[in-house]
Amino acid sequence: MVMFQKNDITVTRFRYLIESLDKKCINTKKDIADVVVQAQNTLREKYGKEVELLDLTEDINDYIPNEYSDMDCTEAAVAYIQLLK
């Protein structure tokens, strides 16, 4: 398990992405984080695909247009999984 410092660039990037998704999605920040982790687990366990958590979060954030404020991140994650499987 990789440990990150609070001010590590990866942590800063995750914070930015969660904030960005929070503006686009109806989900709470905690729910967004849970959805991304679950999507990673589904890709690994069901489809044999290994996707880094940061890459997955970036891709889901990119998938949802900036103009949206009422997207369900769960739906975006499911669509992303369908594209990658």
PDB file of N, CA and C in Angstrom:
ATOM      1  N   MET A   1       0.843  -1.184   0.000  1.00  0.00           N
ATOM      2  CA  MET A   1       0.000   0.000   0.000  1.00  0.00           C
ATOM      3  C   MET A   1       0.883   1.240   0.000  1.00  0.00           C
ATOM      4  N   VAL A   2       0.605   2.170  -0.880  1.00  0.00           N
ATOM      5  CA  VAL A   2       1.373   3.401  -0.990  1.00  0.00           C
ATOM      6  C   VAL A   2       0.790   4.431  -0.032  1.00  0.00           C
ATOM      7  N   MET A   3       1.656   5.058   0.728  1.00  0.00           N
ATOM      8  CA  MET A   3       1.222   6.110   1.651  1.00  0.00           C
ATOM      9  C   MET A   3       1.589   7.465   1.068  1.00  0.00           C
ATOM     10  N   PHE A   4       0.680   8.416   1.172  1.00  0.00           N
ATOM     11  CA  PHE A   4       0.908   9.755   0.656  1.00  0.00           C
ATOM     12  C   PHE A   4       0.876  10.759   1.805  1.00  0.00           C
ATOM     13  N   GLN A   5       1.697  11.776   1.686  1.00  0.00           N
ATOM     14  CA  GLN A   5       1.649  12.886   2.626  1.00  0.00           C
ATOM     15  C   GLN A   5       0.454  13.767   2.277  1.00  0.00           C
ATOM     16  N   LYS A   6      -0.050  14.475   3.268  1.00  0.00           N
ATOM     17  CA  LYS A   6      -1.228  15.332   3.097  1.00  0.00           C
ATOM     18  C   LYS A   6      -1.047  16.353   1.968  1.00  0.00           C
ATOM     19  N   ASN A   7       0.178  16.835   1.772  1.00  0.00           N
ATOM     20  CA  ASN A   7       0.439  17.857   0.753  1.00  0.00           C
ATOM     21  C   ASN A   7       1.056  17.266  -0.518  1.00  0.00           C
ATOM     22  N   ASP A   8       1.020  15.937  -0.662  1.00  0.00           N
ATOM     23  CA  ASP A   8       1.532  15.274  -1.857  1.00  0.00           C
ATOM     24  C   ASP A   8       0.726  15.729  -3.075  1.00  0.00           C
ATOM     25  N   ILE A   9       1.373  15.813  -4.213  1.00  0.00           N
ATOM     26  CA  ILE A   9       0.727  16.277  -5.444  1.00  0.00           C
ATOM     27  C   ILE A   9      -0.444  15.373  -5.840  1.00  0.00           C
ATOM     28  N   THR A  10      -0.344  14.078  -5.562  1.00  0.00           N
ATOM     29  CA  THR A  10      -1.430  13.158  -5.882  1.00  0.00           C
ATOM     30  C   THR A  10      -2.658  13.450  -5.032  1.00  0.00           C
ATOM     31  N   VAL A  11      -2.435  13.734  -3.752  1.00  0.00           N
ATOM     32  CA  VAL A  11      -3.541  14.080  -2.856  1.00  0.00           C
ATOM     33  C   VAL A  11      -4.188  15.382  -3.309  1.00  0.00           C
ATOM     34  N   THR A  12      -3.357  16.339  -3.685  1.00  0.00           N
ATOM     35  CA  THR A  12      -3.875  17.622  -4.176  1.00  0.00           C
ATOM     36  C   THR A  12      -4.720  17.406  -5.427  1.00  0.00           C
ATOM     37  N   ARG A  13      -4.278  16.549  -6.318  1.00  0.00           N
ATOM     38  CA  ARG A  13      -5.020  16.268  -7.552  1.00  0.00           C
ATOM     39  C   ARG A  13      -6.358  15.585  -7.245  1.00  0.00           C
ATOM     40  N   PHE A  14      -6.337  14.612  -6.344  1.00  0.00           N
ATOM     41  CA  PHE A  14      -7.590  13.950  -5.957  1.00  0.00           C
ATOM     42  C   PHE A  14      -8.569  14.963  -5.357  1.00  0.00           C
ATOM     43  N   ARG A  15      -8.061  15.834  -4.511  1.00  0.00           N
ATOM     44  CA  ARG A  15      -8.940  16.851  -3.914  1.00  0.00           C
ATOM     45  C   ARG A  15      -9.594  17.698  -4.999  1.00  0.00           C
ATOM     46  N   TYR A  16      -8.781  18.135  -5.966  1.00  0.00           N
ATOM     47  CA  TYR A  16      -9.310  18.941  -7.066  1.00  0.00           C
ATOM     48  C   TYR A  16     -10.397  18.164  -7.827  1.00  0.00           C
ATOM     49  N   LEU A  17     -10.118  16.903  -8.141  1.00  0.00           N
ATOM     50  CA  LEU A  17     -11.075  16.108  -8.920  1.00  0.00           C
ATOM     51  C   LEU A  17     -12.368  15.862  -8.152  1.00  0.00           C
ATOM     52  N   ILE A  18     -12.269  15.580  -6.872  1.00  0.00           N
ATOM     53  CA  ILE A  18     -13.477  15.374  -6.060  1.00  0.00           C
ATOM     54  C   ILE A  18     -14.277  16.676  -5.986  1.00  0.00           C
ATOM     55  N   GLU A  19     -13.592  17.803  -5.838  1.00  0.00           N
ATOM     56  CA  GLU A  19     -14.280  19.103  -5.836  1.00  0.00           C
ATOM     57  C   GLU A  19     -14.971  19.348  -7.178  1.00  0.00           C
ATOM     58  N   SER A  20     -14.277  19.039  -8.257  1.00  0.00           N
ATOM     59  CA  SER A  20     -14.849  19.224  -9.593  1.00  0.00           C
ATOM     60  C   SER A  20     -16.081  18.346  -9.784  1.00  0.00           C
ATOM     61  N   LEU A  21     -15.977  17.084  -9.390  1.00  0.00           N
ATOM     62  CA  LEU A  21     -17.116  16.177  -9.510  1.00  0.00           C
ATOM     63  C   LEU A  21     -18.258  16.584  -8.591  1.00  0.00           C
ATOM     64  N   ASP A  22     -17.921  17.131  -7.438  1.00  0.00           N
ATOM     65  CA  ASP A  22     -18.943  17.603  -6.498  1.00  0.00           C
ATOM     66  C   ASP A  22     -19.800  18.702  -7.130  1.00  0.00           C
ATOM     67  N   LYS A  23     -19.195  19.528  -7.966  1.00  0.00           N
ATOM     68  CA  LYS A  23     -19.929  20.600  -8.649  1.00  0.00           C
ATOM     69  C   LYS A  23     -20.801  20.052  -9.782  1.00  0.00           C
ATOM     70  N   LYS A  24     -20.384  18.934 -10.363  1.00  0.00           N
ATOM     71  CA  LYS A  24     -21.089  18.368 -11.509  1.00  0.00           C
ATOM     72  C   LYS A  24     -22.158  17.342 -11.128  1.00  0.00           C
ATOM     73  N   CYS A  25     -22.023  16.773  -9.953  1.00  0.00           N
ATOM     74  CA  CYS A  25     -22.846  15.625  -9.572  1.00  0.00           C
ATOM     75  C   CYS A  25     -23.764  15.932  -8.395  1.00  0.00           C
ATOM     76  N   ILE A  26     -24.811  15.151  -8.305  1.00  0.00           N
ATOM     77  CA  ILE A  26     -25.752  15.264  -7.195  1.00  0.00           C
ATOM     78  C   ILE A  26     -25.248  14.519  -5.961  1.00  0.00           C
ATOM     79  N   ASN A  27     -24.223  13.712  -6.123  1.00  0.00           N
ATOM     80  CA  ASN A  27     -23.692  12.884  -5.047  1.00  0.00           C
ATOM     81  C   ASN A  27     -22.852  13.713  -4.072  1.00  0.00           C
ATOM     82  N   THR A  28     -22.742  13.219  -2.831  1.00  0.00           N
ATOM     83  CA  THR A  28     -21.846  13.846  -1.861  1.00  0.00           C
ATOM     84  C   THR A  28     -20.402  13.495  -2.226  1.00  0.00           C
ATOM     85  N   LYS A  29     -19.459  14.213  -1.660  1.00  0.00           N
ATOM     86  CA  LYS A  29     -18.043  13.921  -1.910  1.00  0.00           C
ATOM     87  C   LYS A  29     -17.697  12.501  -1.479  1.00  0.00           C
ATOM     88  N   LYS A  30     -18.227  12.082  -0.355  1.00  0.00           N
ATOM     89  CA  LYS A  30     -17.971  10.722   0.120  1.00  0.00           C
ATOM     90  C   LYS A  30     -18.542   9.701  -0.860  1.00  0.00           C
ATOM     91  N   ASP A  31     -19.764   9.950  -1.331  1.00  0.00           N
ATOM     92  CA  ASP A  31     -20.376   9.036  -2.297  1.00  0.00           C
ATOM     93  C   ASP A  31     -19.576   8.995  -3.602  1.00  0.00           C
ATOM     94  N   ILE A  32     -19.073  10.144  -4.031  1.00  0.00           N
ATOM     95  CA  ILE A  32     -18.259  10.191  -5.255  1.00  0.00           C
ATOM     96  C   ILE A  32     -17.017   9.324  -5.080  1.00  0.00           C
ATOM     97  N   ALA A  33     -16.334   9.482  -3.956  1.00  0.00           N
ATOM     98  CA  ALA A  33     -15.131   8.678  -3.688  1.00  0.00           C
ATOM     99  C   ALA A  33     -15.479   7.190  -3.652  1.00  0.00           C
ATOM    100  N   ASP A  34     -16.588   6.857  -3.015  1.00  0.00           N
ATOM    101  CA  ASP A  34     -17.021   5.453  -2.951  1.00  0.00           C
ATOM    102  C   ASP A  34     -17.330   4.894  -4.333  1.00  0.00           C
ATOM    103  N   VAL A  35     -17.971   5.690  -5.165  1.00  0.00           N
ATOM    104  CA  VAL A  35     -18.320   5.258  -6.528  1.00  0.00           C
ATOM    105  C   VAL A  35     -17.056   4.966  -7.333  1.00  0.00           C
ATOM    106  N   VAL A  36     -16.065   5.833  -7.224  1.00  0.00           N
ATOM    107  CA  VAL A  36     -14.831   5.651  -7.984  1.00  0.00           C
ATOM    108  C   VAL A  36     -14.096   4.387  -7.521  1.00  0.00           C
ATOM    109  N   VAL A  37     -14.015   4.177  -6.228  1.00  0.00           N
ATOM    110  CA  VAL A  37     -13.363   2.972  -5.706  1.00  0.00           C
ATOM    111  C   VAL A  37     -14.127   1.721  -6.143  1.00  0.00           C
ATOM    112  N   GLN A  38     -15.438   1.776  -6.077  1.00  0.00           N
ATOM    113  CA  GLN A  38     -16.245   0.625  -6.503  1.00  0.00           C
ATOM    114  C   GLN A  38     -16.070   0.359  -7.997  1.00  0.00           C
ATOM    115  N   ALA A  39     -15.983   1.404  -8.794  1.00  0.00           N
ATOM    116  CA  ALA A  39     -15.756   1.232 -10.235  1.00  0.00           C
ATOM    117  C   ALA A  39     -14.405   0.551 -10.469  1.00  0.00           C
ATOM    118  N   GLN A  40     -13.383   0.978  -9.732  1.00  0.00           N
ATOM    119  CA  GLN A  40     -12.064   0.357  -9.858  1.00  0.00           C
ATOM    120  C   GLN A  40     -12.133  -1.123  -9.483  1.00  0.00           C
ATOM    121  N   ASN A  41     -12.803  -1.431  -8.390  1.00  0.00           N
ATOM    122  CA  ASN A  41     -12.951  -2.829  -7.957  1.00  0.00           C
ATOM    123  C   ASN A  41     -13.706  -3.663  -8.976  1.00  0.00           C
ATOM    124  N   THR A  42     -14.771  -3.108  -9.546  1.00  0.00           N
ATOM    125  CA  THR A  42     -15.556  -3.819 -10.560  1.00  0.00           C
ATOM    126  C   THR A  42     -14.713  -4.110 -11.785  1.00  0.00           C
ATOM    127  N   LEU A  43     -13.965  -3.118 -12.245  1.00  0.00           N
ATOM    128  CA  LEU A  43     -13.108  -3.323 -13.415  1.00  0.00           C
ATOM    129  C   LEU A  43     -12.069  -4.411 -13.154  1.00  0.00           C
ATOM    130  N   ARG A  44     -11.507  -4.419 -11.961  1.00  0.00           N
ATOM    131  CA  ARG A  44     -10.478  -5.408 -11.612  1.00  0.00           C
ATOM    132  C   ARG A  44     -11.084  -6.804 -11.452  1.00  0.00           C
ATOM    133  N   GLU A  45     -12.127  -6.903 -10.651  1.00  0.00           N
ATOM    134  CA  GLU A  45     -12.655  -8.210 -10.270  1.00  0.00           C
ATOM    135  C   GLU A  45     -13.542  -8.855 -11.331  1.00  0.00           C
ATOM    136  N   LYS A  46     -14.323  -8.051 -12.024  1.00  0.00           N
ATOM    137  CA  LYS A  46     -15.277  -8.618 -12.983  1.00  0.00           C
ATOM    138  C   LYS A  46     -14.708  -8.697 -14.401  1.00  0.00           C
ATOM    139  N   TYR A  47     -13.860  -7.714 -14.762  1.00  0.00           N
ATOM    140  CA  TYR A  47     -13.381  -7.645 -16.146  1.00  0.00           C
ATOM    141  C   TYR A  47     -11.872  -7.824 -16.300  1.00  0.00           C
ATOM    142  N   GLY A  48     -11.157  -7.965 -15.194  1.00  0.00           N
ATOM    143  CA  GLY A  48      -9.717  -8.176 -15.280  1.00  0.00           C
ATOM    144  C   GLY A  48      -8.949  -6.977 -15.791  1.00  0.00           C
ATOM    145  N   LYS A  49      -9.488  -5.778 -15.569  1.00  0.00           N
ATOM    146  CA  LYS A  49      -8.832  -4.541 -16.002  1.00  0.00           C
ATOM    147  C   LYS A  49      -8.265  -3.819 -14.791  1.00  0.00           C
ATOM    148  N   GLU A  50      -7.001  -3.449 -14.867  1.00  0.00           N
ATOM    149  CA  GLU A  50      -6.364  -2.704 -13.785  1.00  0.00           C
ATOM    150  C   GLU A  50      -6.279  -1.236 -14.203  1.00  0.00           C
ATOM    151  N   VAL A  51      -6.992  -0.391 -13.474  1.00  0.00           N
ATOM    152  CA  VAL A  51      -6.993   1.046 -13.754  1.00  0.00           C
ATOM    153  C   VAL A  51      -6.619   1.761 -12.458  1.00  0.00           C
ATOM    154  N   GLU A  52      -5.626   2.634 -12.545  1.00  0.00           N
ATOM    155  CA  GLU A  52      -5.215   3.404 -11.367  1.00  0.00           C
ATOM    156  C   GLU A  52      -6.365   4.310 -10.927  1.00  0.00           C
ATOM    157  N   LEU A  53      -6.500   4.473  -9.631  1.00  0.00           N
ATOM    158  CA  LEU A  53      -7.593   5.264  -9.074  1.00  0.00           C
ATOM    159  C   LEU A  53      -7.564   6.708  -9.580  1.00  0.00           C
ATOM    160  N   LEU A  54      -6.387   7.292  -9.654  1.00  0.00           N
ATOM    161  CA  LEU A  54      -6.283   8.668 -10.140  1.00  0.00           C
ATOM    162  C   LEU A  54      -6.727   8.757 -11.600  1.00  0.00           C
ATOM    163  N   ASP A  55      -6.297   7.811 -12.426  1.00  0.00           N
ATOM    164  CA  ASP A  55      -6.707   7.803 -13.841  1.00  0.00           C
ATOM    165  C   ASP A  55      -8.209   7.638 -13.977  1.00  0.00           C
ATOM    166  N   LEU A  56      -8.784   6.761 -13.197  1.00  0.00           N
ATOM    167  CA  LEU A  56     -10.220   6.523 -13.227  1.00  0.00           C
ATOM    168  C   LEU A  56     -10.990   7.786 -12.833  1.00  0.00           C
ATOM    169  N   THR A  57     -10.528   8.441 -11.782  1.00  0.00           N
ATOM    170  CA  THR A  57     -11.184   9.671 -11.320  1.00  0.00           C
ATOM    171  C   THR A  57     -11.071  10.764 -12.377  1.00  0.00           C
ATOM    172  N   GLU A  58      -9.885  10.894 -12.986  1.00  0.00           N
ATOM    173  CA  GLU A  58      -9.682  11.867 -14.077  1.00  0.00           C
ATOM    174  C   GLU A  58     -10.650  11.593 -15.233  1.00  0.00           C
ATOM    175  N   ASP A  59     -10.744  10.334 -15.626  1.00  0.00           N
ATOM    176  CA  ASP A  59     -11.581   9.978 -16.774  1.00  0.00           C
ATOM    177  C   ASP A  59     -13.065  10.232 -16.503  1.00  0.00           C
ATOM    178  N   ILE A  60     -13.528   9.891 -15.319  1.00  0.00           N
ATOM    179  CA  ILE A  60     -14.936  10.147 -14.988  1.00  0.00           C
ATOM    180  C   ILE A  60     -15.188  11.652 -14.945  1.00  0.00           C
ATOM    181  N   ASN A  61     -14.256  12.406 -14.395  1.00  0.00           N
ATOM    182  CA  ASN A  61     -14.392  13.865 -14.378  1.00  0.00           C
ATOM    183  C   ASN A  61     -14.428  14.425 -15.795  1.00  0.00           C
ATOM    184  N   ASP A  62     -13.567  13.924 -16.666  1.00  0.00           N
ATOM    185  CA  ASP A  62     -13.538  14.383 -18.058  1.00  0.00           C
ATOM    186  C   ASP A  62     -14.805  13.990 -18.816  1.00  0.00           C
ATOM    187  N   TYR A  63     -15.375  12.841 -18.453  1.00  0.00           N
ATOM    188  CA  TYR A  63     -16.578  12.336 -19.126  1.00  0.00           C
ATOM    189  C   TYR A  63     -17.788  13.248 -18.914  1.00  0.00           C
ATOM    190  N   ILE A  64     -17.857  13.886 -17.757  1.00  0.00           N
ATOM    191  CA  ILE A  64     -19.003  14.739 -17.426  1.00  0.00           C
ATOM    192  C   ILE A  64     -18.680  16.170 -17.825  1.00  0.00           C
ATOM    193  N   PRO A  65     -19.465  16.756 -18.732  1.00  0.00           N
ATOM    194  CA  PRO A  65     -19.207  18.138 -19.149  1.00  0.00           C
ATOM    195  C   PRO A  65     -19.258  19.117 -17.961  1.00  0.00           C
ATOM    196  N   ASN A  66     -18.460  20.158 -18.028  1.00  0.00           N
ATOM    197  CA  ASN A  66     -18.396  21.163 -16.958  1.00  0.00           C
ATOM    198  C   ASN A  66     -19.720  21.871 -16.729  1.00  0.00           C
ATOM    199  N   GLU A  67     -20.575  21.917 -17.725  1.00  0.00           N
ATOM    200  CA  GLU A  67     -21.855  22.623 -17.605  1.00  0.00           C
ATOM    201  C   GLU A  67     -22.851  21.880 -16.723  1.00  0.00           C
ATOM    202  N   TYR A  68     -22.613  20.602 -16.492  1.00  0.00           N
ATOM    203  CA  TYR A  68     -23.549  19.800 -15.702  1.00  0.00           C
ATOM    204  C   TYR A  68     -23.441  20.119 -14.219  1.00  0.00           C
ATOM    205  N   SER A  69     -24.574  20.051 -13.541  1.00  0.00           N
ATOM    206  CA  SER A  69     -24.579  20.210 -12.090  1.00  0.00           C
ATOM    207  C   SER A  69     -25.538  19.202 -11.440  1.00  0.00           C
ATOM    208  N   ASP A  70     -26.112  18.334 -12.267  1.00  0.00           N
ATOM    209  CA  ASP A  70     -27.107  17.397 -11.734  1.00  0.00           C
ATOM    210  C   ASP A  70     -26.891  15.962 -12.215  1.00  0.00           C
ATOM    211  N   MET A  71     -25.655  15.635 -12.534  1.00  0.00           N
ATOM    212  CA  MET A  71     -25.331  14.289 -12.999  1.00  0.00           C
ATOM    213  C   MET A  71     -25.197  13.353 -11.795  1.00  0.00           C
ATOM    214  N   ASP A  72     -25.578  12.123 -11.971  1.00  0.00           N
ATOM    215  CA  ASP A  72     -25.345  11.107 -10.955  1.00  0.00           C
ATOM    216  C   ASP A  72     -24.008  10.444 -11.289  1.00  0.00           C
ATOM    217  N   CYS A  73     -23.033  10.590 -10.408  1.00  0.00           N
ATOM    218  CA  CYS A  73     -21.705  10.026 -10.665  1.00  0.00           C
ATOM    219  C   CYS A  73     -21.737   8.513 -10.812  1.00  0.00           C
ATOM    220  N   THR A  74     -22.705   7.877 -10.190  1.00  0.00           N
ATOM    221  CA  THR A  74     -22.841   6.430 -10.340  1.00  0.00           C
ATOM    222  C   THR A  74     -23.126   6.082 -11.797  1.00  0.00           C
ATOM    223  N   GLU A  75     -24.003   6.839 -12.439  1.00  0.00           N
ATOM    224  CA  GLU A  75     -24.323   6.600 -13.849  1.00  0.00           C
ATOM    225  C   GLU A  75     -23.099   6.845 -14.727  1.00  0.00           C
ATOM    226  N   ALA A  76     -22.339   7.886 -14.425  1.00  0.00           N
ATOM    227  CA  ALA A  76     -21.124   8.171 -15.191  1.00  0.00           C
ATOM    228  C   ALA A  76     -20.116   7.042 -15.034  1.00  0.00           C
ATOM    229  N   ALA A  77     -19.980   6.517 -13.822  1.00  0.00           N
ATOM    230  CA  ALA A  77     -19.042   5.419 -13.575  1.00  0.00           C
ATOM    231  C   ALA A  77     -19.479   4.155 -14.312  1.00  0.00           C
ATOM    232  N   VAL A  78     -20.771   3.872 -14.312  1.00  0.00           N
ATOM    233  CA  VAL A  78     -21.282   2.696 -15.019  1.00  0.00           C
ATOM    234  C   VAL A  78     -21.007   2.827 -16.521  1.00  0.00           C
ATOM    235  N   ALA A  79     -21.240   4.006 -17.076  1.00  0.00           N
ATOM    236  CA  ALA A  79     -20.961   4.230 -18.496  1.00  0.00           C
ATOM    237  C   ALA A  79     -19.468   4.042 -18.785  1.00  0.00           C
ATOM    238  N   TYR A  80     -18.631   4.542 -17.905  1.00  0.00           N
ATOM    239  CA  TYR A  80     -17.182   4.399 -18.066  1.00  0.00           C
ATOM    240  C   TYR A  80     -16.775   2.922 -18.033  1.00  0.00           C
ATOM    241  N   ILE A  81     -17.328   2.187 -17.098  1.00  0.00           N
ATOM    242  CA  ILE A  81     -17.035   0.752 -17.007  1.00  0.00           C
ATOM    243  C   ILE A  81     -17.439   0.052 -18.298  1.00  0.00           C
ATOM    244  N   GLN A  82     -18.591   0.408 -18.840  1.00  0.00           N
ATOM    245  CA  GLN A  82     -19.062  -0.217 -20.077  1.00  0.00           C
ATOM    246  C   GLN A  82     -18.118   0.069 -21.241  1.00  0.00           C
ATOM    247  N   LEU A  83     -17.526   1.249 -21.260  1.00  0.00           N
ATOM    248  CA  LEU A  83     -16.575   1.584 -22.319  1.00  0.00           C
ATOM    249  C   LEU A  83     -15.273   0.785 -22.201  1.00  0.00           C
ATOM    250  N   LEU A  84     -14.855   0.520 -20.977  1.00  0.00           N
ATOM    251  CA  LEU A  84     -13.565  -0.142 -20.763  1.00  0.00           C
ATOM    252  C   LEU A  84     -13.611  -1.661 -20.755  1.00  0.00           C
ATOM    253  N   LYS A  85     -14.753  -2.222 -20.474  1.00  0.00           N
ATOM    254  CA  LYS A  85     -14.788  -3.676 -20.250  1.00  0.00           C
ATOM    255  C   LYS A  85     -14.396  -4.496 -21.447  1.00  0.00           C
TER     256      LYS A  85
END
